[in-house]
Structure formats: C-alpha cells, structure tokens
Amino acid sequence: MRIYKKRTTKNKIKQNIERLVKTLLAFIGILFLLNCGIEKLKTIDLSATSKKVIILDNSINDGEVIPQPPAVEALPYVEPATNGEAEASPAVQENKVEEEIKKVFGEQACLAIAIAKCESKLETDRIGDGHLAFDYNGETLGESIGVFQIRTGGKEKNGNIWSRPKALGMTVEQFKNEMKDYKKNIEYAKQIFDRSGNFGKWTCYTDKGYLSYL
C-alpha cells in the first residue's frame, strides 16, 4: 500500500509540474505577441497624420478653398471598324454556315452538312489540296477552297486542263476570294450537285469519310 501511495504522489507531482510548464510557455508566448504588437505600433508615424488633419481644419476655418482635381471629360465611345458585319465567333460562324446549307440543299442538307464538315470543318477560308496544285498560265490551279472545298481546276487523265475561274471569266485569285464567301461557296456546291445528281465529286463522299459526321 505504501509503495502504491508513493507512486501516486509522484505522478501527481509530475502532472503538476507539466501543467506549470505549459502555463509558463503560454504566458511567455502571450508576452512575445504583445511585444511584437507594441513594436509595430512604434513604427506608425501618428504625428504626421495628426498634422495633416490640423492643416485641413485650419484651411477650412480660414475660409480657404481647397483646390479640387480637374474633372476628367469622358471620351466618346467609338465603334470598332468593321467591314459591314461584326466578326463572328467560330461557333456562331458554324451555325450560320449550317443554316445556309439547310436553306440551299433542302432535303439533302443533312448529308451535305456532313460532307462539308468532313471536307473543311466548315471553315470558310480553308485552302486544301495543295499537293494537287500546279502552275498554269502564270497562275496556280488545283487548290480547293472554302466550306465545300471547291477545286479551282485540275488535270484530266488525258492531260487536258480544266479551270473553273476561266469558265467564269475570272482570275484564279478572284475565284478563290469568291469561294471564301460561304454563301457563294454553298451555292456553287449546289450547282455541282445538281449537274451530277449526287455528291460523287467530293472525296469525303466517295471514301465514306462523311459518315463520321452524321
């Protein structure tokens, strides 16, 4: 029993010492924080602030007018320069192209849109088939332009050369600019479709690439 009581007393003493140490450490921490706060307060120049207030009060009492900064006149809003139509975002542009294809192709619109997406991703200024391009009379024929990738011209197997710009009385550059206008491009594609009766003039149709866009 005596041994147990001695152990219990030692434990109590140990616990009391631990509590005292913790209390001292907490007290030292509080003192340290207070000291830091006092040091920061010492760095603030309260006299300068009070002087400014006194000067302001004196000027008001003496009837002096405190000068105000000059008013800034708002500049008039100027509309950004455009070519008659604001530039559309890619998503809006795609919607416009699809709506035009629906209007022009009617019942064939679903298939026509899939072919156009396969050919150009509906990019109105897409120029493709550069590997088929060749020089002819000082111009470059063979490239495909716009939404439906309308070819400017080409070579037949027998060596004959055909040129869409020439047939329309245009230069190649003029024809390319025309075909970058999505409405004219779609209308021209419809003419090709009507003449052949199908979409066989487009590689994306003959090799079934359009199926991925249905």
Protein backbone atom coordinates (compact mmCIF):
# COMPACT_ATOMS: atom_id res chain seq x y z
CA MET A 1 0.00 0.00 0.00
CA ARG A 2 2.82 2.39 0.85
CA ILE A 3 4.53 1.74 -2.48
CA TYR A 4 1.27 2.48 -4.35
CA LYS A 5 0.74 5.75 -2.43
CA LYS A 6 4.32 6.85 -3.19
CA ARG A 7 3.82 6.19 -6.89
CA THR A 8 0.51 8.09 -6.89
CA THR A 9 2.11 11.08 -5.17
CA LYS A 10 4.99 11.11 -7.68
CA ASN A 11 2.54 11.03 -10.57
CA LYS A 12 0.58 13.97 -9.16
CA ILE A 13 3.76 15.97 -8.68
CA LYS A 14 4.82 15.18 -12.24
CA GLN A 15 1.44 16.24 -13.61
CA ASN A 16 1.52 19.50 -11.63
CA ILE A 17 4.99 20.29 -12.96
CA GLU A 18 3.85 19.62 -16.55
CA ARG A 19 0.84 21.94 -16.09
CA LEU A 20 3.06 24.64 -14.64
CA VAL A 21 5.50 24.37 -17.58
CA LYS A 22 2.66 24.60 -20.11
CA THR A 23 1.21 27.63 -18.32
CA LEU A 24 4.61 29.35 -18.31
CA LEU A 25 5.12 28.64 -22.01
CA ALA A 26 1.68 30.04 -22.84
CA PHE A 27 2.40 33.16 -20.75
CA ILE A 28 5.76 33.65 -22.50
CA GLY A 29 4.01 33.31 -25.90
CA ILE A 30 1.45 35.98 -24.97
CA LEU A 31 4.20 38.32 -23.83
CA PHE A 32 6.06 37.78 -27.11
CA LEU A 33 2.95 38.60 -29.19
CA LEU A 34 2.27 41.72 -27.13
CA ASN A 35 5.84 42.85 -27.60
CA CYS A 36 5.58 42.38 -31.39
CA GLY A 37 2.36 44.43 -31.46
CA ILE A 38 3.95 47.26 -29.50
CA GLU A 39 6.95 47.34 -31.84
CA LYS A 40 4.67 47.64 -34.88
CA LEU A 41 2.74 50.49 -33.25
CA LYS A 42 6.00 52.32 -32.70
CA THR A 43 6.68 52.31 -36.45
CA ILE A 44 3.44 54.21 -37.25
CA ASP A 45 4.00 57.96 -37.59
CA LEU A 46 0.94 59.27 -35.80
CA SER A 47 2.31 62.79 -35.67
CA ALA A 48 2.29 63.10 -39.49
CA THR A 49 -1.34 62.04 -39.62
CA SER A 50 -2.37 64.47 -36.91
CA LYS A 51 -0.52 67.32 -38.66
CA LYS A 52 -2.43 66.67 -41.89
CA VAL A 53 -5.72 66.78 -40.02
CA ILE A 54 -4.80 70.03 -38.27
CA ILE A 55 -3.75 71.68 -41.56
CA LEU A 56 -7.01 70.64 -43.21
CA ASP A 57 -9.02 72.02 -40.29
CA ASN A 58 -7.13 75.34 -40.38
CA SER A 59 -7.71 75.81 -44.10
CA ILE A 60 -11.43 75.29 -43.64
CA ASN A 61 -11.62 77.63 -40.68
CA ASP A 62 -9.75 80.37 -42.53
CA GLY A 63 -12.24 80.28 -45.38
CA GLU A 64 -9.71 78.98 -47.88
CA VAL A 65 -10.98 76.87 -50.74
CA ILE A 66 -9.25 73.54 -51.10
CA PRO A 67 -8.43 73.08 -54.78
CA GLN A 68 -10.15 70.09 -56.39
CA PRO A 69 -8.57 68.00 -59.13
CA PRO A 70 -9.78 68.94 -62.62
CA ALA A 71 -12.73 66.95 -63.91
CA VAL A 72 -11.83 64.35 -66.50
CA GLU A 73 -14.08 64.52 -69.51
CA ALA A 74 -15.31 61.12 -70.64
CA LEU A 75 -14.13 60.19 -74.09
CA PRO A 76 -16.89 59.33 -76.58
CA TYR A 77 -17.31 55.66 -77.38
CA VAL A 78 -16.08 54.80 -80.85
CA GLU A 79 -17.45 51.74 -82.59
CA PRO A 80 -14.68 49.43 -83.82
CA ALA A 81 -14.19 49.50 -87.56
CA THR A 82 -15.76 46.57 -89.38
CA ASN A 83 -16.44 45.59 -92.93
CA GLY A 84 -20.16 45.95 -92.51
CA GLU A 85 -20.59 42.85 -90.35
CA ALA A 86 -19.09 42.04 -86.96
CA GLU A 87 -16.68 39.13 -86.95
CA ALA A 88 -18.48 36.08 -85.62
CA SER A 89 -17.04 33.57 -83.18
CA PRO A 90 -16.23 30.11 -84.63
CA ALA A 91 -19.38 28.59 -83.08
CA VAL A 92 -21.64 31.35 -84.44
CA GLN A 93 -19.95 31.11 -87.84
CA GLU A 94 -20.54 27.34 -87.96
CA ASN A 95 -24.22 27.84 -87.14
CA LYS A 96 -24.54 30.39 -89.95
CA VAL A 97 -22.89 28.01 -92.41
CA GLU A 98 -25.11 25.10 -91.39
CA GLU A 99 -28.26 27.24 -91.68
CA GLU A 100 -27.22 28.33 -95.18
CA ILE A 101 -26.58 24.72 -96.25
CA LYS A 102 -30.04 23.73 -94.96
CA LYS A 103 -31.61 26.57 -96.91
CA VAL A 104 -29.80 25.76 -100.17
CA PHE A 105 -29.77 21.94 -100.10
CA GLY A 106 -33.19 21.33 -98.57
CA GLU A 107 -33.84 17.61 -98.17
CA GLN A 108 -30.17 16.81 -98.85
CA ALA A 109 -28.97 19.20 -96.14
CA CYS A 110 -28.08 16.56 -93.53
CA LEU A 111 -25.80 14.73 -95.93
CA ALA A 112 -24.42 17.99 -97.35
CA ILE A 113 -23.50 19.28 -93.86
CA ALA A 114 -21.71 16.02 -93.03
CA ILE A 115 -19.70 16.25 -96.27
CA ALA A 116 -18.82 19.91 -95.64
CA LYS A 117 -17.66 19.12 -92.10
CA CYS A 118 -15.54 16.28 -93.42
CA GLU A 119 -14.06 18.47 -96.17
CA SER A 120 -13.34 21.69 -94.26
CA LYS A 121 -14.69 21.54 -90.68
CA LEU A 122 -16.98 24.34 -92.00
CA GLU A 123 -14.01 26.73 -92.17
CA THR A 124 -14.87 29.37 -94.74
CA ASP A 125 -11.27 30.26 -95.60
CA ARG A 126 -9.87 26.71 -95.70
CA ILE A 127 -7.49 26.08 -98.61
CA GLY A 128 -6.73 22.42 -99.30
CA ASP A 129 -5.28 20.04 -101.87
CA GLY A 130 -2.05 21.97 -102.08
CA HIS A 131 -0.37 18.76 -103.22
CA LEU A 132 -2.54 18.85 -106.37
CA ALA A 133 -1.66 22.46 -107.23
CA PHE A 134 0.26 23.28 -110.41
CA ASP A 135 1.25 26.37 -112.39
CA TYR A 136 -0.86 27.24 -115.41
CA ASN A 137 -0.51 30.44 -117.46
CA GLY A 138 1.22 32.21 -114.57
CA GLU A 139 -1.42 31.18 -112.01
CA THR A 140 -1.84 28.29 -109.59
CA LEU A 141 -4.61 25.80 -110.27
CA GLY A 142 -5.66 22.72 -108.34
CA GLU A 143 -6.26 24.04 -104.82
CA SER A 144 -9.62 23.53 -103.12
CA ILE A 145 -11.33 26.46 -101.43
CA GLY A 146 -13.82 27.10 -98.64
CA VAL A 147 -16.64 25.19 -96.97
CA PHE A 148 -17.15 22.59 -99.71
CA GLN A 149 -13.52 22.68 -100.88
CA ILE A 150 -14.37 23.75 -104.43
CA ARG A 151 -11.39 23.00 -106.68
CA THR A 152 -10.08 25.79 -108.84
CA GLY A 153 -9.10 23.39 -111.61
CA GLY A 154 -7.25 20.22 -112.44
CA LYS A 155 -5.72 17.88 -114.99
CA GLU A 156 -7.64 15.09 -116.66
CA LYS A 157 -6.05 11.68 -117.19
CA ASN A 158 -5.63 12.51 -120.88
CA GLY A 159 -3.66 15.64 -119.97
CA ASN A 160 -6.43 18.16 -120.61
CA ILE A 161 -6.60 21.02 -118.11
CA TRP A 162 -9.89 22.40 -116.80
CA SER A 163 -10.29 25.69 -114.96
CA ARG A 164 -13.37 26.93 -113.14
CA PRO A 165 -12.08 30.52 -112.89
CA LYS A 166 -11.51 30.60 -116.65
CA ALA A 167 -15.01 29.26 -117.32
CA LEU A 168 -16.42 32.13 -115.24
CA GLY A 169 -14.17 34.76 -116.80
CA MET A 170 -12.22 35.25 -113.57
CA THR A 171 -8.63 35.05 -112.46
CA VAL A 172 -7.76 32.25 -110.05
CA GLU A 173 -7.34 34.75 -107.23
CA GLN A 174 -10.76 36.27 -107.90
CA PHE A 175 -12.35 32.83 -107.90
CA LYS A 176 -10.63 31.90 -104.63
CA ASN A 177 -11.92 35.07 -102.98
CA GLU A 178 -15.43 34.30 -104.24
CA MET A 179 -15.30 30.77 -102.82
CA LYS A 180 -14.20 32.05 -99.39
CA ASP A 181 -17.65 33.64 -99.16
CA TYR A 182 -19.55 30.75 -97.60
CA LYS A 183 -22.84 31.66 -99.27
CA LYS A 184 -21.31 31.68 -102.75
CA ASN A 185 -19.37 28.52 -101.96
CA ILE A 186 -22.50 26.67 -100.87
CA GLU A 187 -24.43 27.90 -103.91
CA TYR A 188 -21.65 26.73 -106.23
CA ALA A 189 -21.57 23.34 -104.48
CA LYS A 190 -25.30 23.01 -105.08
CA GLN A 191 -24.75 23.68 -108.80
CA ILE A 192 -22.15 20.89 -108.92
CA PHE A 193 -24.55 18.58 -107.09
CA ASP A 194 -27.42 19.40 -109.46
CA ARG A 195 -25.29 18.79 -112.55
CA SER A 196 -24.02 15.39 -111.37
CA GLY A 197 -27.15 14.36 -109.47
CA ASN A 198 -25.15 13.24 -106.42
CA PHE A 199 -22.20 14.08 -104.18
CA GLY A 200 -19.76 11.94 -106.17
CA LYS A 201 -17.49 14.94 -106.89
CA TRP A 202 -16.44 15.07 -103.22
CA THR A 203 -13.81 12.67 -101.90
CA CYS A 204 -15.39 12.68 -98.44
CA TYR A 205 -18.48 11.14 -100.05
CA THR A 206 -16.75 8.54 -102.23
CA ASP A 207 -14.44 7.31 -99.46
CA LYS A 208 -17.28 7.38 -96.85
CA GLY A 209 -15.44 9.89 -94.64
CA TYR A 210 -18.68 11.86 -94.17
CA LEU A 211 -20.17 9.01 -92.12
CA SER A 212 -18.17 10.15 -89.09
CA TYR A 213 -20.05 13.48 -89.16
CA LEU A 214 -23.64 12.22 -89.40
